[in-house]
């Protein structure tokens, strides 16, 4: 190699570097050349995660190939409006309009959330017939069918535990681990209830106690002790001697969380809210002079926010007293121990997470039932008499809405197996629907 040739290579290298270096700088800084304006412009990124991750992605109706990485990034986009569409066979399509600022990263969902595609309708046979009640905690399902109680656990959905009951019942109350269950029938009218110990397989008839004490409401404490509301007040059941002991007189409503019972108690013609330590039996007053309540119910979330439900009114206890959330309450899903509660307020579906201010999802002219809020999936589920609907919680850029199931007379529904399997009580048939 002679000197002239070497100089030529060096000069060529400088030329190539001079041409490539600006391109590298443009790439690193996220800039592109706009041929219309003949200027360098900043570009942005649309970022998201999806489930299933192999779904087809298009932007402004043009297919986008991103690869199989969990984090999807569409790069070098000029600022402006875009329509993102995600599709996969056998799933409902997901679509959202969004605005990308030049030089910014736009996260379609929060960084820790995914865009979840829901499966399209399937033909599903009835799993059980003649069903009167179904309850679940997300892992275990308990079903009343005729005179039999069946319990399915998440790790065994093919061979349920079965208990034959002397009489037909239509209510189920259960402990946190489903160790104990109580089934009852139209309390306090029919005065039929059975306590079931799943470990010993023992069924205890509580009928005589219902008649003597006029018990109307049962709940289990976190340590599995059975508590009840009767004509005289608040009771605790002792399985050892098969007796109910009166703990608090003139109690009108109660619920339990951890080792505390929350009670509405009548005192000198007024109502008061108080707690009872179930171990020491010490009481503490929380709020006196409650308004007149006709059929009060109590619920406490995991952040110790207290809710009072009375007919069509919903209240929340705060440091300032009793706050009215609505006086036009429709159907609701407010339970002790939940982080997220939901209700219908004059046809408007609202939810509240961890005691934060209520958030409105949608307004509907139809009667909606059993609202289930899934913040991690960004969907709300609800039904009318014939249809189960999934509605995207976030309305920005268009609110995706899907009809998951069409039936005859939907009574209840719930989710199990990490929110992938939807159980449905349609008329007297129990069905299961895989939604993701």
Protein backbone atom coordinates (compact mmCIF):
# COMPACT_ATOMS: atom_id res chain seq x y z
CA UNK A 1 0.00 0.00 0.00
CA UNK A 2 1.62 3.23 -1.16
CA UNK A 3 1.47 6.60 0.57
CA UNK A 4 -1.02 8.05 -1.93
CA UNK A 5 -3.48 5.24 -1.33
CA UNK A 6 -3.20 5.58 2.45
CA UNK A 7 -3.93 9.29 2.25
CA UNK A 8 -6.91 8.50 0.10
CA UNK A 9 -8.32 6.14 2.73
CA UNK A 10 -7.81 8.71 5.47
CA UNK A 11 -9.58 11.39 3.44
CA UNK A 12 -12.44 8.98 2.64
CA UNK A 13 -12.78 8.15 6.34
CA UNK A 14 -13.11 11.83 7.22
CA UNK A 15 -15.72 12.29 4.52
CA UNK A 16 -17.75 9.29 5.69
CA UNK A 17 -17.48 10.42 9.31
CA UNK A 18 -18.61 13.90 8.31
CA UNK A 19 -21.69 12.42 6.65
CA UNK A 20 -22.54 9.76 9.27
CA UNK A 21 -21.83 11.76 12.45
CA UNK A 22 -24.78 14.14 12.01
CA UNK A 23 -27.05 11.14 11.41
CA UNK A 24 -25.79 9.53 14.61
CA UNK A 25 -26.37 12.76 16.53
CA UNK A 26 -29.87 13.01 15.04
CA UNK A 27 -30.61 9.39 16.02
CA UNK A 28 -29.36 9.81 19.59
CA UNK A 29 -31.16 13.12 20.11
CA UNK A 30 -34.39 11.79 18.54
CA UNK A 31 -34.51 14.27 15.69
CA UNK A 32 -35.55 13.80 12.09
CA UNK A 33 -35.48 15.94 8.97
CA UNK A 34 -38.82 17.35 7.83
CA UNK A 35 -38.64 17.53 4.03
CA UNK A 36 -41.66 19.84 3.82
CA UNK A 37 -40.24 22.51 6.12
CA UNK A 38 -36.64 21.50 5.37
CA UNK A 39 -35.82 21.69 9.07
CA UNK A 40 -34.72 19.32 11.82
CA UNK A 41 -37.63 18.53 14.16
CA UNK A 42 -37.76 16.73 17.50
CA UNK A 43 -39.52 13.35 17.54
CA UNK A 44 -41.34 11.50 20.30
CA UNK A 45 -41.99 7.95 21.43
CA UNK A 46 -45.24 6.09 22.11
CA UNK A 47 -44.55 3.46 24.79
CA UNK A 48 -46.76 0.69 26.17
CA UNK A 49 -46.98 -2.92 27.26
CA UNK A 50 -49.64 -5.32 25.99
CA UNK A 51 -51.21 -8.66 26.86
CA UNK A 52 -50.98 -10.86 24.88
CA UNK A 53 -47.62 -9.46 23.81
CA UNK A 54 -47.80 -10.94 20.26
CA UNK A 55 -50.87 -8.88 19.30
CA UNK A 56 -50.83 -6.90 16.05
CA UNK A 57 -50.15 -3.17 16.38
CA UNK A 58 -51.06 -0.40 13.97
CA UNK A 59 -50.66 3.37 14.12
CA UNK A 60 -52.98 5.52 11.99
CA UNK A 61 -54.08 2.25 10.29
CA UNK A 62 -50.51 1.36 9.27
CA UNK A 63 -49.01 -1.85 10.65
CA UNK A 64 -46.07 -1.44 13.03
CA UNK A 65 -43.46 -4.13 13.64
CA UNK A 66 -41.87 -3.77 17.07
CA UNK A 67 -40.77 -7.26 18.03
CA UNK A 68 -41.47 -9.51 21.01
CA UNK A 69 -40.00 -7.32 23.74
CA UNK A 70 -42.36 -6.71 26.69
CA UNK A 71 -41.97 -2.94 26.39
CA UNK A 72 -43.25 -1.72 23.03
CA UNK A 73 -41.83 1.57 21.71
CA UNK A 74 -42.81 3.32 18.49
CA UNK A 75 -39.98 5.78 17.88
CA UNK A 76 -39.18 8.81 15.69
CA UNK A 77 -42.74 10.11 15.59
CA UNK A 78 -43.34 13.77 14.92
CA UNK A 79 -45.65 15.54 17.32
CA UNK A 80 -49.38 15.32 16.61
CA UNK A 81 -52.49 13.16 16.87
CA UNK A 82 -52.33 9.39 16.44
CA UNK A 83 -54.75 6.48 16.54
CA UNK A 84 -53.26 3.37 18.15
CA UNK A 85 -54.97 0.06 17.39
CA UNK A 86 -54.14 -3.35 18.85
CA UNK A 87 -55.75 -6.53 17.50
CA UNK A 88 -55.47 -10.28 17.79
CA UNK A 89 -57.77 -13.05 16.53
CA UNK A 90 -60.34 -14.17 19.14
CA UNK A 91 -59.88 -10.93 21.12
CA UNK A 92 -61.77 -7.66 21.14
CA UNK A 93 -59.82 -4.91 19.33
CA UNK A 94 -58.42 -2.11 21.48
CA UNK A 95 -58.21 1.41 20.10
CA UNK A 96 -57.23 4.80 21.50
CA UNK A 97 -56.71 8.30 20.12
CA UNK A 98 -53.76 10.14 21.62
CA UNK A 99 -51.71 13.29 21.21
CA UNK A 100 -47.91 13.06 21.19
CA UNK A 101 -45.82 16.11 22.05
CA UNK A 102 -42.63 16.53 20.05
CA UNK A 103 -39.57 15.38 21.98
CA UNK A 104 -41.65 13.58 24.63
CA UNK A 105 -42.37 9.97 25.61
CA UNK A 106 -46.10 9.22 25.75
CA UNK A 107 -47.02 6.29 27.99
CA UNK A 108 -50.36 4.90 26.87
CA UNK A 109 -50.82 3.38 30.35
CA UNK A 110 -48.87 3.84 33.54
CA UNK A 111 -45.43 2.27 33.25
CA UNK A 112 -46.46 -0.67 35.45
CA UNK A 113 -49.74 -1.37 33.64
CA UNK A 114 -50.47 -3.25 30.46
CA UNK A 115 -53.04 -2.78 27.74
CA UNK A 116 -55.17 -5.88 28.31
CA UNK A 117 -57.03 -7.41 25.39
CA UNK A 118 -60.19 -9.26 26.42
CA UNK A 119 -61.31 -12.46 24.72
CA UNK A 120 -64.36 -12.44 22.48
CA UNK A 121 -67.55 -14.28 23.34
CA UNK A 122 -67.48 -18.03 23.54
CA UNK A 123 -70.19 -20.66 23.70
CA UNK A 124 -70.08 -21.90 27.29
CA UNK A 125 -72.13 -24.79 28.69
CA UNK A 126 -73.67 -24.63 32.16
CA UNK A 127 -71.37 -26.07 34.81
CA UNK A 128 -74.20 -26.53 37.33
CA UNK A 129 -78.01 -26.40 37.26
CA UNK A 130 -80.55 -25.44 39.96
CA UNK A 131 -78.12 -22.97 41.55
CA UNK A 132 -79.54 -20.52 44.12
CA UNK A 133 -76.37 -18.74 45.28
CA UNK A 134 -72.69 -18.30 44.37
CA UNK A 135 -69.92 -16.48 46.28
CA UNK A 136 -66.18 -16.21 45.73
CA UNK A 137 -63.11 -14.44 47.08
CA UNK A 138 -61.09 -14.54 43.86
CA UNK A 139 -59.59 -17.94 44.66
CA UNK A 140 -62.39 -20.14 46.00
CA UNK A 141 -66.00 -20.50 44.80
CA UNK A 142 -68.88 -21.75 46.95
CA UNK A 143 -72.15 -22.78 45.28
CA UNK A 144 -75.58 -23.73 46.60
CA UNK A 145 -77.42 -26.12 44.29
CA UNK A 146 -80.62 -27.72 45.58
CA UNK A 147 -79.80 -29.11 49.07
CA UNK A 148 -76.06 -29.23 48.44
CA UNK A 149 -73.13 -26.90 49.06
CA UNK A 150 -70.13 -27.28 46.72
CA UNK A 151 -66.76 -25.61 47.29
CA UNK A 152 -64.21 -25.27 44.48
CA UNK A 153 -60.67 -24.27 45.37
CA UNK A 154 -58.37 -22.62 42.83
CA UNK A 155 -55.95 -25.55 42.81
CA UNK A 156 -58.77 -28.07 42.27
CA UNK A 157 -61.65 -26.98 40.01
CA UNK A 158 -62.64 -30.48 38.88
CA UNK A 159 -63.57 -32.23 42.14
CA UNK A 160 -65.33 -29.82 44.52
CA UNK A 161 -65.91 -30.55 48.19
CA UNK A 162 -69.59 -31.35 48.70
CA UNK A 163 -71.88 -31.05 51.71
CA UNK A 164 -75.46 -32.34 51.81
CA UNK A 165 -77.74 -29.99 53.75
CA UNK A 166 -80.95 -31.04 55.56
CA UNK A 167 -82.86 -28.17 53.98
CA UNK A 168 -82.46 -25.87 50.99
CA UNK A 169 -80.71 -22.53 51.66
CA UNK A 170 -79.95 -19.46 49.54
CA UNK A 171 -77.22 -17.49 51.40
CA UNK A 172 -73.51 -18.15 51.98
CA UNK A 173 -71.20 -16.45 54.47
CA UNK A 174 -67.57 -17.57 54.63
CA UNK A 175 -64.30 -17.02 56.48
CA UNK A 176 -61.22 -15.55 54.82
CA UNK A 177 -59.71 -18.99 54.17
CA UNK A 178 -63.07 -20.76 53.62
CA UNK A 179 -62.35 -22.89 56.70
CA UNK A 180 -65.87 -22.17 57.97
CA UNK A 181 -68.98 -21.46 55.94
CA UNK A 182 -72.50 -20.62 56.99
CA UNK A 183 -75.51 -21.17 54.76
CA UNK A 184 -78.87 -19.68 55.57
CA UNK A 185 -82.32 -19.20 54.08
CA UNK A 186 -84.11 -15.81 54.06
CA UNK A 187 -83.13 -14.71 57.55
CA UNK A 188 -84.79 -13.94 59.88
CA UNK A 189 -88.03 -15.20 58.31
CA UNK A 190 -87.29 -18.89 57.70
CA UNK A 191 -84.79 -19.32 60.55
CA UNK A 192 -82.63 -21.91 58.80
CA UNK A 193 -78.82 -21.83 59.04
CA UNK A 194 -75.98 -24.37 59.04
CA UNK A 195 -72.38 -23.86 60.14
CA UNK A 196 -69.89 -25.96 58.16
CA UNK A 197 -66.34 -26.77 59.30
CA UNK A 198 -64.40 -27.74 56.17
CA UNK A 199 -61.54 -29.32 58.11
CA UNK A 200 -63.67 -31.65 60.23
CA UNK A 201 -66.47 -31.88 57.60
CA UNK A 202 -68.93 -31.18 60.43
CA UNK A 203 -72.32 -29.53 59.77
CA UNK A 204 -73.92 -27.76 62.79
CA UNK A 205 -77.62 -26.86 62.74
CA UNK A 206 -78.16 -23.38 64.23
CA UNK A 207 -81.94 -23.41 63.89
CA UNK A 208 -82.74 -23.34 67.61
CA UNK A 209 -80.57 -20.26 68.12
CA UNK A 210 -82.26 -18.43 65.27
CA UNK A 211 -85.66 -19.05 66.83
CA UNK A 212 -84.65 -18.12 70.38
CA UNK A 213 -82.54 -15.03 69.56
CA UNK A 214 -84.12 -13.97 66.25
CA UNK A 215 -80.70 -13.77 64.58
CA UNK A 216 -80.72 -11.98 61.23
CA UNK A 217 -77.14 -11.20 60.17
CA UNK A 218 -74.01 -13.35 60.39
CA UNK A 219 -70.35 -12.53 59.72
CA UNK A 220 -67.03 -14.17 60.47
CA UNK A 221 -64.20 -12.31 62.19
CA UNK A 222 -60.67 -12.60 60.83
CA UNK A 223 -59.83 -15.29 63.41
CA UNK A 224 -62.85 -17.34 62.17
CA UNK A 225 -65.12 -16.68 65.16
CA UNK A 226 -68.79 -16.40 64.19
CA UNK A 227 -70.60 -13.15 65.03
CA UNK A 228 -74.27 -12.34 64.66
CA UNK A 229 -76.87 -9.61 65.02
CA UNK A 230 -80.03 -10.48 66.93
CA UNK A 231 -83.10 -8.90 68.41
CA UNK A 232 -81.24 -7.87 71.58
CA UNK A 233 -77.94 -6.86 70.00
CA UNK A 234 -74.53 -8.19 68.94
CA UNK A 235 -73.56 -11.83 69.66
CA UNK A 236 -70.54 -14.12 69.49
CA UNK A 237 -70.93 -17.86 68.91
CA UNK A 238 -68.96 -20.46 70.88
CA UNK A 239 -68.62 -23.74 69.00
CA UNK A 240 -67.33 -25.45 72.15
CA UNK A 241 -70.63 -25.14 74.01
CA UNK A 242 -72.85 -24.39 70.99
CA UNK A 243 -74.08 -21.11 72.46
CA UNK A 244 -74.38 -17.44 71.42
CA UNK A 245 -73.19 -14.84 73.95
CA UNK A 246 -74.55 -11.28 73.95
CA UNK A 247 -71.63 -8.82 73.72
CA UNK A 248 -73.30 -5.46 73.00
CA UNK A 249 -76.94 -4.57 73.58
CA UNK A 250 -79.08 -2.62 71.10
CA UNK A 251 -76.65 -3.02 68.20
CA UNK A 252 -78.37 -2.27 64.88
CA UNK A 253 -75.56 -3.06 62.40
CA UNK A 254 -72.02 -4.40 62.47
CA UNK A 255 -69.00 -5.44 60.45
CA UNK A 256 -65.54 -6.71 61.42
CA UNK A 257 -61.98 -6.02 60.29
CA UNK A 258 -58.95 -7.57 61.96
CA UNK A 259 -59.80 -7.87 65.68
CA UNK A 260 -62.32 -5.01 65.75
CA UNK A 261 -66.08 -5.03 65.40
CA UNK A 262 -67.59 -1.80 64.06
CA UNK A 263 -71.10 -1.24 65.43
CA UNK A 264 -74.02 1.12 65.12
CA UNK A 265 -75.61 1.15 68.58
CA UNK A 266 -78.80 2.75 69.83
CA UNK A 267 -78.36 4.81 72.98
CA UNK A 268 -80.98 7.09 74.53
CA UNK A 269 -82.98 7.26 71.29
CA UNK A 270 -79.93 8.25 69.24
CA UNK A 271 -77.52 6.21 67.14
CA UNK A 272 -73.76 6.11 67.64
CA UNK A 273 -70.84 4.50 65.83
CA UNK A 274 -68.38 2.61 68.00
CA UNK A 275 -65.80 -0.18 67.91
CA UNK A 276 -65.46 -3.27 70.06
CA UNK A 277 -62.11 -5.00 70.57
CA UNK A 278 -63.06 -8.66 70.16
CA UNK A 279 -60.22 -9.80 72.45
CA UNK A 280 -60.45 -7.34 75.36
CA UNK A 281 -64.16 -6.50 74.76
CA UNK A 282 -63.37 -2.80 75.28
CA UNK A 283 -65.51 -0.31 73.36
CA UNK A 284 -64.54 3.03 71.85
CA UNK A 285 -66.91 5.71 70.61
CA UNK A 286 -66.17 6.98 67.09
CA UNK A 287 -69.13 9.18 66.19
CA UNK A 288 -72.21 10.17 68.18
CA UNK A 289 -75.58 11.52 67.08
CA UNK A 290 -75.83 9.77 63.74
CA UNK A 291 -78.79 10.77 61.56
CA UNK A 292 -81.89 8.62 61.60
CA UNK A 293 -81.09 5.34 59.86
CA UNK A 294 -83.71 2.81 58.83
CA UNK A 295 -81.81 -0.26 57.57
CA UNK A 296 -78.12 0.55 58.21
CA UNK A 297 -75.23 -1.56 56.97
CA UNK A 298 -71.52 -1.05 57.66
CA UNK A 299 -68.38 -1.64 55.59
CA UNK A 300 -64.72 -0.84 56.33
CA UNK A 301 -61.96 -0.91 53.72
CA UNK A 302 -58.36 -1.94 54.37
CA UNK A 303 -57.41 1.69 55.04
CA UNK A 304 -60.00 1.79 57.88
CA UNK A 305 -62.35 4.11 56.00
CA UNK A 306 -65.86 3.47 57.32
CA UNK A 307 -68.95 3.45 55.08
CA UNK A 308 -72.59 3.42 56.16
CA UNK A 309 -75.23 2.23 53.69
CA UNK A 310 -78.88 2.96 54.43
CA UNK A 311 -81.43 2.24 51.72
CA UNK A 312 -80.56 4.73 48.94
CA UNK A 313 -78.00 6.71 50.96
CA UNK A 314 -74.25 6.17 51.18
CA UNK A 315 -72.12 7.89 53.83
CA UNK A 316 -68.42 7.92 54.65
CA UNK A 317 -67.08 8.69 58.10
CA UNK A 318 -64.38 11.38 58.09
CA UNK A 319 -62.59 13.52 60.64
CA UNK A 320 -65.25 16.16 60.02
CA UNK A 321 -68.12 13.81 60.77
CA UNK A 322 -70.44 12.02 58.38
CA UNK A 323 -69.95 12.82 54.69
CA UNK A 324 -72.81 12.08 52.27
CA UNK A 325 -71.53 10.40 49.11
CA UNK A 326 -74.97 9.99 47.55
CA UNK A 327 -78.65 9.89 48.41
CA UNK A 328 -79.55 8.25 45.10
CA UNK A 329 -77.75 4.94 45.56
CA UNK A 330 -78.30 2.19 43.02
CA UNK A 331 -76.57 -1.17 43.01
CA UNK A 332 -73.22 -1.29 44.80
CA UNK A 333 -70.15 -3.40 45.46
CA UNK A 334 -68.95 -2.18 48.84
CA UNK A 335 -67.54 -4.82 51.18
CA UNK A 336 -65.39 -4.89 54.27
CA UNK A 337 -61.74 -5.62 53.50
CA UNK A 338 -61.83 -4.38 49.90
CA UNK A 339 -59.42 -1.76 48.59
CA UNK A 340 -61.78 -0.69 45.78
CA UNK A 341 -65.50 -0.01 46.24
CA UNK A 342 -68.01 0.91 43.55
CA UNK A 343 -71.60 2.10 43.36
CA UNK A 344 -74.18 3.66 41.07
CA UNK A 345 -75.17 7.23 41.85
CA UNK A 346 -78.26 8.33 39.88
CA UNK A 347 -77.16 6.04 37.04
CA UNK A 348 -73.53 7.20 37.19
CA UNK A 349 -70.98 4.47 37.89
CA UNK A 350 -68.39 5.58 40.44
CA UNK A 351 -65.54 3.92 42.27
CA UNK A 352 -63.20 4.73 45.12
CA UNK A 353 -59.77 3.18 45.69
CA UNK A 354 -58.07 3.14 49.09
CA UNK A 355 -60.18 5.97 50.43
CA UNK A 356 -59.30 8.43 47.66
CA UNK A 357 -62.03 10.77 46.29
CA UNK A 358 -64.65 8.95 44.18
CA UNK A 359 -64.01 8.75 40.43
CA UNK A 360 -66.79 8.70 37.82
CA UNK A 361 -66.51 6.11 35.03
CA UNK A 362 -69.69 6.47 32.98
CA UNK A 363 -73.32 7.49 33.07
CA UNK A 364 -75.96 5.00 31.94
CA UNK A 365 -79.71 5.29 31.44
CA UNK A 366 -80.14 1.53 32.01
CA UNK A 367 -80.10 -0.26 35.36
CA UNK A 368 -76.64 -1.68 36.01
CA UNK A 369 -75.85 -4.45 38.48
CA UNK A 370 -72.84 -5.91 40.31
CA UNK A 371 -70.20 -3.32 39.38
CA UNK A 372 -66.70 -4.82 39.61
CA UNK A 373 -63.75 -2.44 39.34
CA UNK A 374 -60.38 -3.80 38.20
CA UNK A 375 -57.90 -0.89 38.48
CA UNK A 376 -54.91 -3.07 37.55
CA UNK A 377 -56.60 -4.09 34.30
CA UNK A 378 -58.19 -0.64 33.78
CA UNK A 379 -61.67 -2.13 33.28
CA UNK A 380 -65.01 -1.97 35.03
CA UNK A 381 -67.42 -4.90 34.66
CA UNK A 382 -71.16 -4.67 35.18
CA UNK A 383 -74.35 -6.23 33.87
CA UNK A 384 -77.97 -5.53 33.20
CA UNK A 385 -80.45 -8.39 33.09
CA UNK A 386 -79.17 -9.88 29.85
CA UNK A 387 -75.66 -8.56 29.07
CA UNK A 388 -72.28 -8.38 30.82
CA UNK A 389 -70.22 -5.38 29.74
CA UNK A 390 -66.55 -4.49 30.17
CA UNK A 391 -65.83 -0.77 30.09
CA UNK A 392 -62.41 0.83 30.08
CA UNK A 393 -61.99 2.99 33.19
CA UNK A 394 -59.91 5.71 31.52
CA UNK A 395 -62.19 7.70 29.15
CA UNK A 396 -59.40 9.78 27.56
CA UNK A 397 -58.98 9.19 23.84
CA UNK A 398 -62.09 7.02 23.63
CA UNK A 399 -63.48 4.53 26.13
CA UNK A 400 -63.31 0.95 24.86
CA UNK A 401 -66.49 -0.99 25.63
CA UNK A 402 -67.19 -4.68 25.02
CA UNK A 403 -70.16 -7.01 25.44
CA UNK A 404 -68.56 -10.05 27.08
CA UNK A 405 -71.65 -12.22 27.48
CA UNK A 406 -75.31 -12.29 26.50
CA UNK A 407 -77.70 -14.34 28.63
CA UNK A 408 -81.28 -14.69 29.80
CA UNK A 409 -81.51 -13.47 33.41
CA UNK A 410 -78.10 -12.61 34.85
CA UNK A 411 -78.17 -12.49 38.64
CA UNK A 412 -74.55 -12.38 39.78
CA UNK A 413 -70.99 -12.60 38.52
CA UNK A 414 -67.46 -12.59 39.87
CA UNK A 415 -63.84 -13.25 38.96
CA UNK A 416 -61.39 -15.99 39.98
CA UNK A 417 -57.97 -17.29 38.92
CA UNK A 418 -56.18 -13.93 38.92
CA UNK A 419 -59.07 -12.18 37.16
CA UNK A 420 -58.87 -14.44 34.11
CA UNK A 421 -62.05 -16.48 34.67
CA UNK A 422 -65.51 -14.92 35.01
CA UNK A 423 -68.22 -16.93 36.73
CA UNK A 424 -71.84 -16.09 35.87
CA UNK A 425 -75.10 -17.02 37.58
CA UNK A 426 -77.64 -16.86 34.73
CA UNK A 427 -81.14 -17.87 35.87
CA UNK A 428 -80.24 -20.99 37.89
CA UNK A 429 -77.20 -21.97 35.82
CA UNK A 430 -73.56 -21.46 36.79
CA UNK A 431 -71.29 -20.74 33.82
CA UNK A 432 -67.61 -19.86 33.38
CA UNK A 433 -66.12 -17.52 30.80
CA UNK A 434 -62.39 -17.04 30.14
CA UNK A 435 -61.88 -13.31 29.54
CA UNK A 436 -58.09 -13.06 29.15
